[in-house]
C-alpha atoms as a PDB file:
ATOM      1  CA  UNK A   1       0.000   0.000   0.000  1.00  0.00           C
ATOM      2  CA  UNK A   2       1.277   3.464  -0.895  1.00  0.00           C
ATOM      3  CA  UNK A   3       2.327   5.584   2.137  1.00  0.00           C
ATOM      4  CA  UNK A   4      -0.240   8.220   1.119  1.00  0.00           C
ATOM      5  CA  UNK A   5      -2.945   5.556   1.077  1.00  0.00           C
ATOM      6  CA  UNK A   6      -1.896   4.406   4.539  1.00  0.00           C
ATOM      7  CA  UNK A   7      -2.106   7.933   5.868  1.00  0.00           C
ATOM      8  CA  UNK A   8      -5.548   8.480   4.300  1.00  0.00           C
ATOM      9  CA  UNK A   9      -6.784   5.165   5.712  1.00  0.00           C
ATOM     10  CA  UNK A  10      -5.574   6.086   9.192  1.00  0.00           C
ATOM     11  CA  UNK A  11      -7.319   9.472   8.964  1.00  0.00           C
ATOM     12  CA  UNK A  12     -10.506   7.821   7.747  1.00  0.00           C
ATOM     13  CA  UNK A  13     -10.418   5.353  10.634  1.00  0.00           C
ATOM     14  CA  UNK A  14     -10.038   8.208  13.124  1.00  0.00           C
ATOM     15  CA  UNK A  15     -12.931  10.133  11.564  1.00  0.00           C
ATOM     16  CA  UNK A  16     -15.113   7.028  11.504  1.00  0.00           C
ATOM     17  CA  UNK A  17     -14.347   6.283  15.157  1.00  0.00           C
ATOM     18  CA  UNK A  18     -15.291   9.844  16.109  1.00  0.00           C
ATOM     19  CA  UNK A  19     -18.558   9.594  14.185  1.00  0.00           C
ATOM     20  CA  UNK A  20     -19.339   6.225  15.807  1.00  0.00           C
ATOM     21  CA  UNK A  21     -18.834   7.692  19.273  1.00  0.00           C
ATOM     22  CA  UNK A  22     -21.667  10.138  18.600  1.00  0.00           C
ATOM     23  CA  UNK A  23     -24.094   7.285  17.911  1.00  0.00           C
ATOM     24  CA  UNK A  24     -26.071   5.375  20.487  1.00  0.00           C
ATOM     25  CA  UNK A  25     -24.180   2.181  21.437  1.00  0.00           C
ATOM     26  CA  UNK A  26     -26.881  -0.011  19.920  1.00  0.00           C
ATOM     27  CA  UNK A  27     -27.467   2.035  16.778  1.00  0.00           C
ATOM     28  CA  UNK A  28     -27.163  -0.381  13.828  1.00  0.00           C
ATOM     29  CA  UNK A  29     -24.948   2.153  12.063  1.00  0.00           C
ATOM     30  CA  UNK A  30     -22.499   1.788  14.958  1.00  0.00           C
ATOM     31  CA  UNK A  31     -22.089  -1.895  14.108  1.00  0.00           C
ATOM     32  CA  UNK A  32     -21.511  -1.114  10.445  1.00  0.00           C
ATOM     33  CA  UNK A  33     -18.979   1.563  11.360  1.00  0.00           C
ATOM     34  CA  UNK A  34     -17.102  -0.803  13.689  1.00  0.00           C
ATOM     35  CA  UNK A  35     -16.952  -3.437  10.944  1.00  0.00           C
ATOM     36  CA  UNK A  36     -15.594  -0.859   8.486  1.00  0.00           C
ATOM     37  CA  UNK A  37     -13.013   0.265  11.014  1.00  0.00           C
ATOM     38  CA  UNK A  38     -12.010  -3.364  11.413  1.00  0.00           C
ATOM     39  CA  UNK A  39     -11.480  -3.561   7.663  1.00  0.00           C
ATOM     40  CA  UNK A  40      -9.382  -0.389   7.653  1.00  0.00           C
ATOM     41  CA  UNK A  41      -7.203  -1.547  10.547  1.00  0.00           C
ATOM     42  CA  UNK A  42      -6.861  -4.984   8.961  1.00  0.00           C
ATOM     43  CA  UNK A  43      -5.600  -3.308   5.784  1.00  0.00           C
ATOM     44  CA  UNK A  44      -3.157  -1.254   7.822  1.00  0.00           C
ATOM     45  CA  UNK A  45      -1.880  -4.409   9.535  1.00  0.00           C
ATOM     46  CA  UNK A  46      -3.180  -3.393  12.977  1.00  0.00           C
ATOM     47  CA  UNK A  47      -4.275  -6.865  14.065  1.00  0.00           C
ATOM     48  CA  UNK A  48      -5.328  -6.120  17.639  1.00  0.00           C
ATOM     49  CA  UNK A  49      -7.307  -3.000  16.742  1.00  0.00           C
ATOM     50  CA  UNK A  50      -8.992  -4.761  13.824  1.00  0.00           C
ATOM     51  CA  UNK A  51      -9.942  -7.655  16.106  1.00  0.00           C
ATOM     52  CA  UNK A  52     -11.324  -5.259  18.713  1.00  0.00           C
ATOM     53  CA  UNK A  53     -13.416  -3.452  16.113  1.00  0.00           C
ATOM     54  CA  UNK A  54     -14.813  -6.688  14.660  1.00  0.00           C
ATOM     55  CA  UNK A  55     -15.697  -7.930  18.140  1.00  0.00           C
ATOM     56  CA  UNK A  56     -17.465  -4.625  18.857  1.00  0.00           C
ATOM     57  CA  UNK A  57     -19.333  -4.935  15.563  1.00  0.00           C
ATOM     58  CA  UNK A  58     -20.406  -8.499  16.405  1.00  0.00           C
ATOM     59  CA  UNK A  59     -21.889  -7.351  19.694  1.00  0.00           C
ATOM     60  CA  UNK A  60     -23.806  -4.467  18.151  1.00  0.00           C
ATOM     61  CA  UNK A  61     -25.086  -6.525  15.222  1.00  0.00           C
ATOM     62  CA  UNK A  62     -26.124  -9.362  17.563  1.00  0.00           C
ATOM     63  CA  UNK A  63     -28.137  -6.938  19.712  1.00  0.00           C
ATOM     64  CA  UNK A  64     -29.683  -4.974  16.847  1.00  0.00           C
ATOM     65  CA  UNK A  65     -30.213  -7.605  14.138  1.00  0.00           C
ATOM     66  CA  UNK A  66     -29.697 -10.995  15.733  1.00  0.00           C
ATOM     67  CA  UNK A  67     -27.055 -13.645  15.214  1.00  0.00           C
ATOM     68  CA  UNK A  68     -28.588 -15.305  12.174  1.00  0.00           C
ATOM     69  CA  UNK A  69     -28.519 -12.366   9.771  1.00  0.00           C
ATOM     70  CA  UNK A  70     -26.360 -11.567   6.744  1.00  0.00           C
ATOM     71  CA  UNK A  71     -24.797  -8.630   8.615  1.00  0.00           C
ATOM     72  CA  UNK A  72     -23.738 -10.893  11.463  1.00  0.00           C
ATOM     73  CA  UNK A  73     -22.342 -13.437   8.992  1.00  0.00           C
ATOM     74  CA  UNK A  74     -20.328 -10.710   7.264  1.00  0.00           C
ATOM     75  CA  UNK A  75     -18.664  -9.602  10.494  1.00  0.00           C
ATOM     76  CA  UNK A  76     -18.023 -13.231  11.547  1.00  0.00           C
ATOM     77  CA  UNK A  77     -16.409 -13.861   8.182  1.00  0.00           C
ATOM     78  CA  UNK A  78     -14.258 -10.741   8.416  1.00  0.00           C
ATOM     79  CA  UNK A  79     -13.073 -11.657  11.913  1.00  0.00           C
ATOM     80  CA  UNK A  80     -12.418 -15.241  10.829  1.00  0.00           C
ATOM     81  CA  UNK A  81     -10.327 -14.094   7.864  1.00  0.00           C
ATOM     82  CA  UNK A  82      -8.333 -11.745  10.092  1.00  0.00           C
ATOM     83  CA  UNK A  83      -7.596 -14.625  12.466  1.00  0.00           C
ATOM     84  CA  UNK A  84      -6.538 -16.838   9.550  1.00  0.00           C
ATOM     85  CA  UNK A  85      -4.138 -14.156   8.313  1.00  0.00           C
ATOM     86  CA  UNK A  86      -2.443 -14.137  11.693  1.00  0.00           C
ATOM     87  CA  UNK A  87      -2.282 -17.905  12.083  1.00  0.00           C
ATOM     88  CA  UNK A  88      -5.047 -18.339  14.670  1.00  0.00           C
ATOM     89  CA  UNK A  89      -6.556 -21.254  12.755  1.00  0.00           C
ATOM     90  CA  UNK A  90      -8.363 -22.932  15.644  1.00  0.00           C
ATOM     91  CA  UNK A  91     -10.027 -19.659  16.603  1.00  0.00           C
ATOM     92  CA  UNK A  92     -10.905 -18.815  12.980  1.00  0.00           C
ATOM     93  CA  UNK A  93     -12.445 -22.124  11.919  1.00  0.00           C
ATOM     94  CA  UNK A  94     -15.668 -22.055  13.976  1.00  0.00           C
ATOM     95  CA  UNK A  95     -16.310 -18.438  13.027  1.00  0.00           C
ATOM     96  CA  UNK A  96     -15.927 -19.155   9.325  1.00  0.00           C
ATOM     97  CA  UNK A  97     -18.047 -22.298   9.549  1.00  0.00           C
ATOM     98  CA  UNK A  98     -20.808 -20.407  11.357  1.00  0.00           C
ATOM     99  CA  UNK A  99     -20.683 -17.551   8.838  1.00  0.00           C
ATOM    100  CA  UNK A 100     -21.008 -19.999   5.940  1.00  0.00           C
ATOM    101  CA  UNK A 101     -24.285 -21.478   7.241  1.00  0.00           C
ATOM    102  CA  UNK A 102     -26.084 -18.235   8.057  1.00  0.00           C
END
């Protein structure tokens, strides 16, 4: 990734986090924003922050949509892929299997 792209992604993540903080904790948009922030941090190679954002997104989506919805499956899949990238195969497998059956 180009250094300029990395800088723009980091700025976008900061702006998105600030916007998410203004939302109610269980606003569905908050879950979408957390998932997007997970994607940005994953792209930047920030494993722990990406994982934290995906886990936040899972909680919000579970509370607002349920755990058998396409949105929930998307976040599960994203978290599972992140875990695969970092070698956490045993942790990733059940998430990816669950996402594939929703």
